[in-house]
PDB file of N, CA and C in Angstrom:
ATOM      1  N   UNK A   1       3.858   8.123   4.589  1.00  0.00           N
ATOM      2  CA  UNK A   1       4.462   8.112   3.322  1.00  0.00           C
ATOM      3  C   UNK A   1       4.371   9.353   2.645  1.00  0.00           C
ATOM      4  N   UNK A   2       5.661   9.833   2.104  1.00  0.00           N
ATOM      5  CA  UNK A   2       5.762  11.044   1.572  1.00  0.00           C
ATOM      6  C   UNK A   2       5.637  11.010   0.194  1.00  0.00           C
ATOM      7  N   UNK A   3       5.301  12.096  -0.469  1.00  0.00           N
ATOM      8  CA  UNK A   3       4.990  12.029  -2.057  1.00  0.00           C
ATOM      9  C   UNK A   3       6.024  11.774  -2.675  1.00  0.00           C
ATOM     10  N   UNK A   4       7.390  11.685  -2.227  1.00  0.00           N
ATOM     11  CA  UNK A   4       8.397  11.157  -3.240  1.00  0.00           C
ATOM     12  C   UNK A   4       8.477   9.622  -3.265  1.00  0.00           C
ATOM     13  N   UNK A   5       7.954   8.976  -2.394  1.00  0.00           N
ATOM     14  CA  UNK A   5       7.894   7.573  -2.311  1.00  0.00           C
ATOM     15  C   UNK A   5       6.632   7.065  -3.123  1.00  0.00           C
ATOM     16  N   UNK A   6       5.702   7.939  -3.099  1.00  0.00           N
ATOM     17  CA  UNK A   6       4.304   7.305  -3.713  1.00  0.00           C
ATOM     18  C   UNK A   6       4.379   7.570  -5.226  1.00  0.00           C
ATOM     19  N   UNK A   7       5.109   8.584  -5.806  1.00  0.00           N
ATOM     20  CA  UNK A   7       5.055   8.720  -7.202  1.00  0.00           C
ATOM     21  C   UNK A   7       5.917   7.533  -8.091  1.00  0.00           C
ATOM     22  N   UNK A   8       6.993   6.971  -7.475  1.00  0.00           N
ATOM     23  CA  UNK A   8       7.421   5.725  -8.341  1.00  0.00           C
ATOM     24  C   UNK A   8       6.319   4.601  -8.232  1.00  0.00           C
ATOM     25  N   UNK A   9       5.583   4.424  -7.153  1.00  0.00           N
ATOM     26  CA  UNK A   9       4.667   3.378  -7.115  1.00  0.00           C
ATOM     27  C   UNK A   9       3.414   3.603  -8.140  1.00  0.00           C
ATOM     28  N   UNK A  10       3.133   4.968  -8.153  1.00  0.00           N
ATOM     29  CA  UNK A  10       2.135   5.350  -9.206  1.00  0.00           C
ATOM     30  C   UNK A  10       2.583   4.957 -10.545  1.00  0.00           C
ATOM     31  N   UNK A  11       3.639   5.459 -10.910  1.00  0.00           N
ATOM     32  CA  UNK A  11       4.311   5.235 -12.308  1.00  0.00           C
ATOM     33  C   UNK A  11       4.326   3.683 -12.672  1.00  0.00           C
ATOM     34  N   UNK A  12       4.815   3.058 -11.644  1.00  0.00           N
ATOM     35  CA  UNK A  12       4.928   1.399 -11.888  1.00  0.00           C
ATOM     36  C   UNK A  12       3.524   0.931 -12.079  1.00  0.00           C
ATOM     37  N   UNK A  13       2.565   1.209 -11.298  1.00  0.00           N
ATOM     38  CA  UNK A  13       1.335   0.853 -11.448  1.00  0.00           C
ATOM     39  C   UNK A  13       0.761   1.075 -12.782  1.00  0.00           C
ATOM     40  N   UNK A  14       0.863   2.318 -13.355  1.00  0.00           N
ATOM     41  CA  UNK A  14       0.289   2.803 -14.426  1.00  0.00           C
ATOM     42  C   UNK A  14       1.048   2.056 -15.634  1.00  0.00           C
ATOM     43  N   UNK A  15       2.370   1.996 -15.475  1.00  0.00           N
ATOM     44  CA  UNK A  15       3.174   1.147 -16.628  1.00  0.00           C
ATOM     45  C   UNK A  15       2.514  -0.424 -16.671  1.00  0.00           C
ATOM     46  N   UNK A  16       2.379  -1.079 -15.631  1.00  0.00           N
ATOM     47  CA  UNK A  16       1.974  -2.343 -15.605  1.00  0.00           C
ATOM     48  C   UNK A  16       0.456  -2.433 -16.155  1.00  0.00           C
ATOM     49  N   UNK A  17      -0.327  -1.454 -15.914  1.00  0.00           N
ATOM     50  CA  UNK A  17      -1.765  -1.563 -16.346  1.00  0.00           C
ATOM     51  C   UNK A  17      -1.730  -1.352 -17.933  1.00  0.00           C
ATOM     52  N   UNK A  18      -0.832  -0.385 -18.375  1.00  0.00           N
ATOM     53  CA  UNK A  18      -0.738  -0.132 -19.848  1.00  0.00           C
ATOM     54  C   UNK A  18      -0.357  -1.367 -20.507  1.00  0.00           C
ATOM     55  N   UNK A  19       0.726  -1.908 -19.970  1.00  0.00           N
ATOM     56  CA  UNK A  19       1.373  -3.058 -20.538  1.00  0.00           C
ATOM     57  C   UNK A  19       0.278  -4.446 -20.618  1.00  0.00           C
ATOM     58  N   UNK A  20      -0.538  -4.454 -19.598  1.00  0.00           N
ATOM     59  CA  UNK A  20      -1.481  -5.589 -19.594  1.00  0.00           C
ATOM     60  C   UNK A  20      -2.557  -5.399 -20.624  1.00  0.00           C
ATOM     61  N   UNK A  21      -3.083  -4.103 -20.903  1.00  0.00           N
ATOM     62  CA  UNK A  21      -4.071  -3.902 -21.788  1.00  0.00           C
ATOM     63  C   UNK A  21      -3.470  -4.302 -23.150  1.00  0.00           C
ATOM     64  N   UNK A  22      -2.209  -4.240 -23.506  1.00  0.00           N
ATOM     65  CA  UNK A  22      -1.402  -4.518 -24.783  1.00  0.00           C
ATOM     66  C   UNK A  22      -1.527  -5.880 -25.028  1.00  0.00           C
ATOM     67  N   UNK A  23      -1.393  -6.755 -23.934  1.00  0.00           N
ATOM     68  CA  UNK A  23      -1.174  -8.273 -24.049  1.00  0.00           C
ATOM     69  C   UNK A  23      -2.546  -8.994 -24.044  1.00  0.00           C
ATOM     70  N   UNK A  24      -3.728  -8.305 -24.013  1.00  0.00           N
ATOM     71  CA  UNK A  24      -4.900  -9.065 -23.968  1.00  0.00           C
ATOM     72  C   UNK A  24      -5.245  -9.688 -25.276  1.00  0.00           C
ATOM     73  N   UNK A  25      -5.660 -10.917 -25.046  1.00  0.00           N
ATOM     74  CA  UNK A  25      -6.001 -11.720 -26.261  1.00  0.00           C
ATOM     75  C   UNK A  25      -7.519 -12.112 -26.115  1.00  0.00           C
ATOM     76  N   UNK A  26      -8.102 -12.039 -27.463  1.00  0.00           N
ATOM     77  CA  UNK A  26      -9.665 -12.374 -27.500  1.00  0.00           C
ATOM     78  C   UNK A  26      -9.635 -13.812 -27.358  1.00  0.00           C
ATOM     79  N   UNK A  27     -10.602 -14.200 -26.588  1.00  0.00           N
ATOM     80  CA  UNK A  27     -11.109 -15.804 -26.575  1.00  0.00           C
ATOM     81  C   UNK A  27     -11.649 -16.028 -27.790  1.00  0.00           C
ATOM     82  N   UNK A  28     -11.936 -17.408 -28.017  1.00  0.00           N
ATOM     83  CA  UNK A  28     -12.596 -17.987 -29.081  1.00  0.00           C
ATOM     84  C   UNK A  28     -13.861 -17.565 -29.395  1.00  0.00           C
ATOM     85  N   UNK A  29     -14.669 -17.438 -28.167  1.00  0.00           N
ATOM     86  CA  UNK A  29     -15.905 -16.853 -28.277  1.00  0.00           C
ATOM     87  C   UNK A  29     -16.155 -15.451 -28.743  1.00  0.00           C
ATOM     88  N   UNK A  30     -15.031 -14.794 -28.817  1.00  0.00           N
ATOM     89  CA  UNK A  30     -15.169 -13.305 -29.307  1.00  0.00           C
ATOM     90  C   UNK A  30     -14.856 -13.154 -30.840  1.00  0.00           C
ATOM     91  N   UNK A  31     -14.521 -14.370 -31.435  1.00  0.00           N
ATOM     92  CA  UNK A  31     -14.210 -14.254 -32.750  1.00  0.00           C
ATOM     93  C   UNK A  31     -15.403 -14.971 -33.649  1.00  0.00           C
ATOM     94  N   UNK A  32     -15.547 -14.514 -34.956  1.00  0.00           N
ATOM     95  CA  UNK A  32     -16.470 -15.106 -35.922  1.00  0.00           C
ATOM     96  C   UNK A  32     -16.223 -16.593 -35.978  1.00  0.00           C
ATOM     97  N   UNK A  33     -17.422 -17.300 -35.869  1.00  0.00           N
ATOM     98  CA  UNK A  33     -17.358 -18.863 -36.055  1.00  0.00           C
ATOM     99  C   UNK A  33     -18.159 -19.270 -37.088  1.00  0.00           C
ATOM    100  N   UNK A  34     -17.637 -20.444 -37.789  1.00  0.00           N
ATOM    101  CA  UNK A  34     -18.279 -20.894 -38.907  1.00  0.00           C
ATOM    102  C   UNK A  34     -19.569 -21.663 -38.507  1.00  0.00           C
ATOM    103  N   UNK A  35     -20.596 -21.611 -39.388  1.00  0.00           N
ATOM    104  CA  UNK A  35     -21.965 -22.154 -38.955  1.00  0.00           C
ATOM    105  C   UNK A  35     -22.764 -21.601 -38.060  1.00  0.00           C
ATOM    106  N   UNK A  36     -22.442 -20.259 -37.739  1.00  0.00           N
ATOM    107  CA  UNK A  36     -23.351 -19.534 -36.677  1.00  0.00           C
ATOM    108  C   UNK A  36     -23.726 -18.560 -37.809  1.00  0.00           C
ATOM    109  N   UNK A  37     -25.172 -18.107 -37.594  1.00  0.00           N
ATOM    110  CA  UNK A  37     -25.806 -17.077 -38.242  1.00  0.00           C
ATOM    111  C   UNK A  37     -25.236 -15.814 -37.896  1.00  0.00           C
ATOM    112  N   UNK A  38     -25.164 -14.886 -38.925  1.00  0.00           N
ATOM    113  CA  UNK A  38     -24.545 -13.593 -38.689  1.00  0.00           C
ATOM    114  C   UNK A  38     -25.525 -12.430 -38.985  1.00  0.00           C
ATOM    115  N   UNK A  39     -25.638 -11.640 -38.158  1.00  0.00           N
ATOM    116  CA  UNK A  39     -26.483 -10.506 -38.272  1.00  0.00           C
ATOM    117  C   UNK A  39     -25.985  -9.347 -39.363  1.00  0.00           C
ATOM    118  N   UNK A  40     -26.571  -8.104 -39.142  1.00  0.00           N
ATOM    119  CA  UNK A  40     -26.120  -7.267 -40.144  1.00  0.00           C
ATOM    120  C   UNK A  40     -25.589  -5.942 -39.189  1.00  0.00           C
ATOM    121  N   UNK A  41     -24.655  -5.271 -39.747  1.00  0.00           N
ATOM    122  CA  UNK A  41     -24.118  -3.988 -39.098  1.00  0.00           C
ATOM    123  C   UNK A  41     -24.348  -2.966 -40.141  1.00  0.00           C
ATOM    124  N   UNK A  42     -25.024  -1.819 -39.518  1.00  0.00           N
ATOM    125  CA  UNK A  42     -25.114  -0.579 -40.500  1.00  0.00           C
ATOM    126  C   UNK A  42     -24.341   0.567 -39.752  1.00  0.00           C
ATOM    127  N   UNK A  43     -23.960   1.341 -40.559  1.00  0.00           N
ATOM    128  CA  UNK A  43     -23.140   2.532 -40.084  1.00  0.00           C
ATOM    129  C   UNK A  43     -24.049   3.831 -40.532  1.00  0.00           C
ATOM    130  N   UNK A  44     -24.109   4.701 -39.575  1.00  0.00           N
ATOM    131  CA  UNK A  44     -24.656   5.985 -39.778  1.00  0.00           C
ATOM    132  C   UNK A  44     -23.991   7.165 -39.124  1.00  0.00           C
ATOM    133  N   UNK A  45     -24.433   8.306 -39.265  1.00  0.00           N
ATOM    134  CA  UNK A  45     -23.696   9.478 -38.731  1.00  0.00           C
ATOM    135  C   UNK A  45     -24.845  10.390 -38.173  1.00  0.00           C
ATOM    136  N   UNK A  46     -24.356  10.824 -36.861  1.00  0.00           N
ATOM    137  CA  UNK A  46     -25.462  11.778 -36.205  1.00  0.00           C
ATOM    138  C   UNK A  46     -24.699  13.169 -36.003  1.00  0.00           C
ATOM    139  N   UNK A  47     -25.552  14.205 -36.144  1.00  0.00           N
ATOM    140  CA  UNK A  47     -25.114  15.542 -36.034  1.00  0.00           C
ATOM    141  C   UNK A  47     -26.030  16.189 -34.905  1.00  0.00           C
ATOM    142  N   UNK A  48     -25.373  16.685 -34.001  1.00  0.00           N
ATOM    143  CA  UNK A  48     -26.207  17.227 -32.919  1.00  0.00           C
ATOM    144  C   UNK A  48     -26.698  18.468 -33.307  1.00  0.00           C
ATOM    145  N   UNK A  49     -28.209  18.820 -32.889  1.00  0.00           N
ATOM    146  CA  UNK A  49     -28.813  20.089 -33.155  1.00  0.00           C
ATOM    147  C   UNK A  49     -28.674  20.865 -31.968  1.00  0.00           C
ATOM    148  N   UNK A  50     -28.207  20.359 -30.855  1.00  0.00           N
ATOM    149  CA  UNK A  50     -28.155  20.929 -29.612  1.00  0.00           C
ATOM    150  C   UNK A  50     -26.820  21.531 -29.283  1.00  0.00           C
ATOM    151  N   UNK A  51     -25.692  20.866 -29.615  1.00  0.00           N
ATOM    152  CA  UNK A  51     -24.411  21.168 -29.441  1.00  0.00           C
ATOM    153  C   UNK A  51     -23.746  21.207 -30.798  1.00  0.00           C
ATOM    154  N   UNK A  52     -23.604  22.438 -31.121  1.00  0.00           N
ATOM    155  CA  UNK A  52     -22.905  22.770 -32.592  1.00  0.00           C
ATOM    156  C   UNK A  52     -21.766  22.070 -32.565  1.00  0.00           C
ATOM    157  N   UNK A  53     -21.350  21.379 -33.727  1.00  0.00           N
ATOM    158  CA  UNK A  53     -19.959  20.820 -34.157  1.00  0.00           C
ATOM    159  C   UNK A  53     -19.828  19.497 -33.402  1.00  0.00           C
ATOM    160  N   UNK A  54     -20.952  19.136 -32.812  1.00  0.00           N
ATOM    161  CA  UNK A  54     -20.775  17.589 -32.269  1.00  0.00           C
ATOM    162  C   UNK A  54     -21.271  16.650 -33.168  1.00  0.00           C
ATOM    163  N   UNK A  55     -20.459  15.709 -33.728  1.00  0.00           N
ATOM    164  CA  UNK A  55     -20.873  14.755 -34.616  1.00  0.00           C
ATOM    165  C   UNK A  55     -20.456  13.467 -34.115  1.00  0.00           C
ATOM    166  N   UNK A  56     -20.985  12.187 -34.538  1.00  0.00           N
ATOM    167  CA  UNK A  56     -20.604  10.874 -34.146  1.00  0.00           C
ATOM    168  C   UNK A  56     -21.010  10.011 -35.197  1.00  0.00           C
ATOM    169  N   UNK A  57     -20.117   9.012 -35.361  1.00  0.00           N
ATOM    170  CA  UNK A  57     -20.674   7.941 -36.314  1.00  0.00           C
ATOM    171  C   UNK A  57     -21.053   6.906 -35.201  1.00  0.00           C
ATOM    172  N   UNK A  58     -22.148   6.178 -35.799  1.00  0.00           N
ATOM    173  CA  UNK A  58     -22.664   5.050 -35.018  1.00  0.00           C
ATOM    174  C   UNK A  58     -23.148   3.855 -35.779  1.00  0.00           C
ATOM    175  N   UNK A  59     -22.966   2.567 -35.210  1.00  0.00           N
ATOM    176  CA  UNK A  59     -23.225   1.416 -35.862  1.00  0.00           C
ATOM    177  C   UNK A  59     -24.226   0.652 -35.172  1.00  0.00           C
ATOM    178  N   UNK A  60     -25.256  -0.024 -35.908  1.00  0.00           N
ATOM    179  CA  UNK A  60     -26.312  -0.907 -35.335  1.00  0.00           C
ATOM    180  C   UNK A  60     -26.128  -2.148 -35.897  1.00  0.00           C
ATOM    181  N   UNK A  61     -26.151  -3.150 -34.819  1.00  0.00           N
ATOM    182  CA  UNK A  61     -26.145  -4.475 -35.161  1.00  0.00           C
ATOM    183  C   UNK A  61     -27.427  -5.157 -34.962  1.00  0.00           C
ATOM    184  N   UNK A  62     -27.948  -5.831 -35.848  1.00  0.00           N
ATOM    185  CA  UNK A  62     -29.091  -6.497 -35.826  1.00  0.00           C
ATOM    186  C   UNK A  62     -28.861  -8.032 -36.027  1.00  0.00           C
ATOM    187  N   UNK A  63     -29.104  -8.807 -34.905  1.00  0.00           N
ATOM    188  CA  UNK A  63     -28.875 -10.363 -34.948  1.00  0.00           C
ATOM    189  C   UNK A  63     -29.698 -10.988 -36.146  1.00  0.00           C
ATOM    190  N   UNK A  64     -29.249 -12.039 -36.705  1.00  0.00           N
ATOM    191  CA  UNK A  64     -29.986 -12.658 -37.839  1.00  0.00           C
ATOM    192  C   UNK A  64     -31.367 -13.010 -37.294  1.00  0.00           C
ATOM    193  N   UNK A  65     -31.435 -13.511 -36.106  1.00  0.00           N
ATOM    194  CA  UNK A  65     -32.632 -14.022 -35.509  1.00  0.00           C
ATOM    195  C   UNK A  65     -33.626 -13.013 -34.912  1.00  0.00           C
ATOM    196  N   UNK A  66     -33.211 -11.598 -35.191  1.00  0.00           N
ATOM    197  CA  UNK A  66     -34.217 -10.640 -34.723  1.00  0.00           C
ATOM    198  C   UNK A  66     -35.716 -10.798 -35.250  1.00  0.00           C
ATOM    199  N   UNK A  67     -36.774 -10.625 -34.366  1.00  0.00           N
ATOM    200  CA  UNK A  67     -37.992 -10.631 -34.843  1.00  0.00           C
ATOM    201  C   UNK A  67     -38.587  -9.388 -34.304  1.00  0.00           C
ATOM    202  N   UNK A  68     -39.087  -8.421 -35.085  1.00  0.00           N
ATOM    203  CA  UNK A  68     -39.630  -7.241 -34.616  1.00  0.00           C
ATOM    204  C   UNK A  68     -40.787  -7.216 -33.998  1.00  0.00           C
ATOM    205  N   UNK A  69     -41.661  -8.342 -33.922  1.00  0.00           N
ATOM    206  CA  UNK A  69     -42.784  -8.628 -32.957  1.00  0.00           C
ATOM    207  C   UNK A  69     -42.545  -8.901 -31.712  1.00  0.00           C
ATOM    208  N   UNK A  70     -41.187  -9.128 -31.409  1.00  0.00           N
ATOM    209  CA  UNK A  70     -40.805  -9.511 -29.888  1.00  0.00           C
ATOM    210  C   UNK A  70     -40.007  -8.362 -29.397  1.00  0.00           C
ATOM    211  N   UNK A  71     -40.030  -8.166 -28.038  1.00  0.00           N
ATOM    212  CA  UNK A  71     -38.959  -7.268 -27.440  1.00  0.00           C
ATOM    213  C   UNK A  71     -37.609  -7.860 -27.581  1.00  0.00           C
ATOM    214  N   UNK A  72     -36.658  -6.826 -27.733  1.00  0.00           N
ATOM    215  CA  UNK A  72     -35.340  -7.151 -27.950  1.00  0.00           C
ATOM    216  C   UNK A  72     -34.420  -6.322 -27.028  1.00  0.00           C
ATOM    217  N   UNK A  73     -33.301  -6.946 -26.631  1.00  0.00           N
ATOM    218  CA  UNK A  73     -32.234  -6.401 -25.838  1.00  0.00           C
ATOM    219  C   UNK A  73     -31.320  -5.370 -26.657  1.00  0.00           C
ATOM    220  N   UNK A  74     -30.946  -4.293 -25.950  1.00  0.00           N
ATOM    221  CA  UNK A  74     -30.203  -3.307 -26.648  1.00  0.00           C
ATOM    222  C   UNK A  74     -28.852  -3.229 -25.734  1.00  0.00           C
ATOM    223  N   UNK A  75     -27.716  -3.066 -26.528  1.00  0.00           N
ATOM    224  CA  UNK A  75     -26.395  -2.918 -25.919  1.00  0.00           C
ATOM    225  C   UNK A  75     -25.691  -1.586 -26.653  1.00  0.00           C
ATOM    226  N   UNK A  76     -25.376  -0.844 -26.042  1.00  0.00           N
ATOM    227  CA  UNK A  76     -24.637   0.554 -26.505  1.00  0.00           C
ATOM    228  C   UNK A  76     -23.390   0.844 -26.150  1.00  0.00           C
ATOM    229  N   UNK A  77     -22.563   1.103 -27.169  1.00  0.00           N
ATOM    230  CA  UNK A  77     -21.192   1.350 -26.993  1.00  0.00           C
ATOM    231  C   UNK A  77     -20.972   2.774 -27.554  1.00  0.00           C
ATOM    232  N   UNK A  78     -20.778   3.752 -26.622  1.00  0.00           N
ATOM    233  CA  UNK A  78     -20.512   5.087 -27.163  1.00  0.00           C
ATOM    234  C   UNK A  78     -19.146   5.150 -27.919  1.00  0.00           C
ATOM    235  N   UNK A  79     -19.186   5.787 -29.077  1.00  0.00           N
ATOM    236  CA  UNK A  79     -18.040   5.640 -29.912  1.00  0.00           C
ATOM    237  C   UNK A  79     -17.354   4.515 -30.071  1.00  0.00           C
ATOM    238  N   UNK A  80     -18.005   3.373 -30.225  1.00  0.00           N
ATOM    239  CA  UNK A  80     -17.605   2.089 -30.309  1.00  0.00           C
ATOM    240  C   UNK A  80     -17.267   1.598 -31.578  1.00  0.00           C
ATOM    241  N   UNK A  81     -16.729   2.298 -32.409  1.00  0.00           N
ATOM    242  CA  UNK A  81     -16.171   1.848 -33.956  1.00  0.00           C
ATOM    243  C   UNK A  81     -15.491   0.676 -33.922  1.00  0.00           C
ATOM    244  N   UNK A  82     -14.474   0.617 -32.751  1.00  0.00           N
ATOM    245  CA  UNK A  82     -13.630  -0.698 -32.889  1.00  0.00           C
ATOM    246  C   UNK A  82     -14.272  -1.763 -32.750  1.00  0.00           C
ATOM    247  N   UNK A  83     -15.466  -1.919 -32.202  1.00  0.00           N
ATOM    248  CA  UNK A  83     -16.186  -3.324 -31.952  1.00  0.00           C
ATOM    249  C   UNK A  83     -16.709  -3.798 -33.236  1.00  0.00           C
ATOM    250  N   UNK A  84     -16.829  -3.011 -34.274  1.00  0.00           N
ATOM    251  CA  UNK A  84     -17.205  -3.640 -35.593  1.00  0.00           C
ATOM    252  C   UNK A  84     -16.095  -4.216 -36.345  1.00  0.00           C
ATOM    253  N   UNK A  85     -15.038  -4.006 -36.027  1.00  0.00           N
ATOM    254  CA  UNK A  85     -14.042  -4.402 -36.841  1.00  0.00           C
ATOM    255  C   UNK A  85     -13.499  -5.884 -36.446  1.00  0.00           C
ATOM    256  N   UNK A  86     -13.712  -6.888 -37.279  1.00  0.00           N
ATOM    257  CA  UNK A  86     -13.684  -8.199 -36.832  1.00  0.00           C
ATOM    258  C   UNK A  86     -12.057  -8.750 -36.894  1.00  0.00           C
ATOM    259  N   UNK A  87     -11.308  -7.812 -37.257  1.00  0.00           N
ATOM    260  CA  UNK A  87      -9.946  -8.206 -37.403  1.00  0.00           C
ATOM    261  C   UNK A  87      -9.218  -7.650 -36.257  1.00  0.00           C
ATOM    262  N   UNK A  88      -9.913  -7.047 -35.069  1.00  0.00           N
ATOM    263  CA  UNK A  88      -9.241  -6.611 -33.926  1.00  0.00           C
ATOM    264  C   UNK A  88      -8.947  -5.317 -33.919  1.00  0.00           C
TER     265      UNK A  88
END
């Protein structure tokens, strides 16, 4: 297969992937639900002391049922500000 026949296939695959990403709909479990406890989200800003000019906003979610006397799981989303927007 030569490069001329591969390029259209790559462009088609890329177009389909981008289109599929736009069509994604959140399921009901991904949306806020009445009657469930809600935790708190706090936003902060980090400024690197090692890499000049490197800054990031970050958010911390603490579930309502969090108990500081027990171990807790942690999930990290680098540059994940979109995850805190409940309107999508």
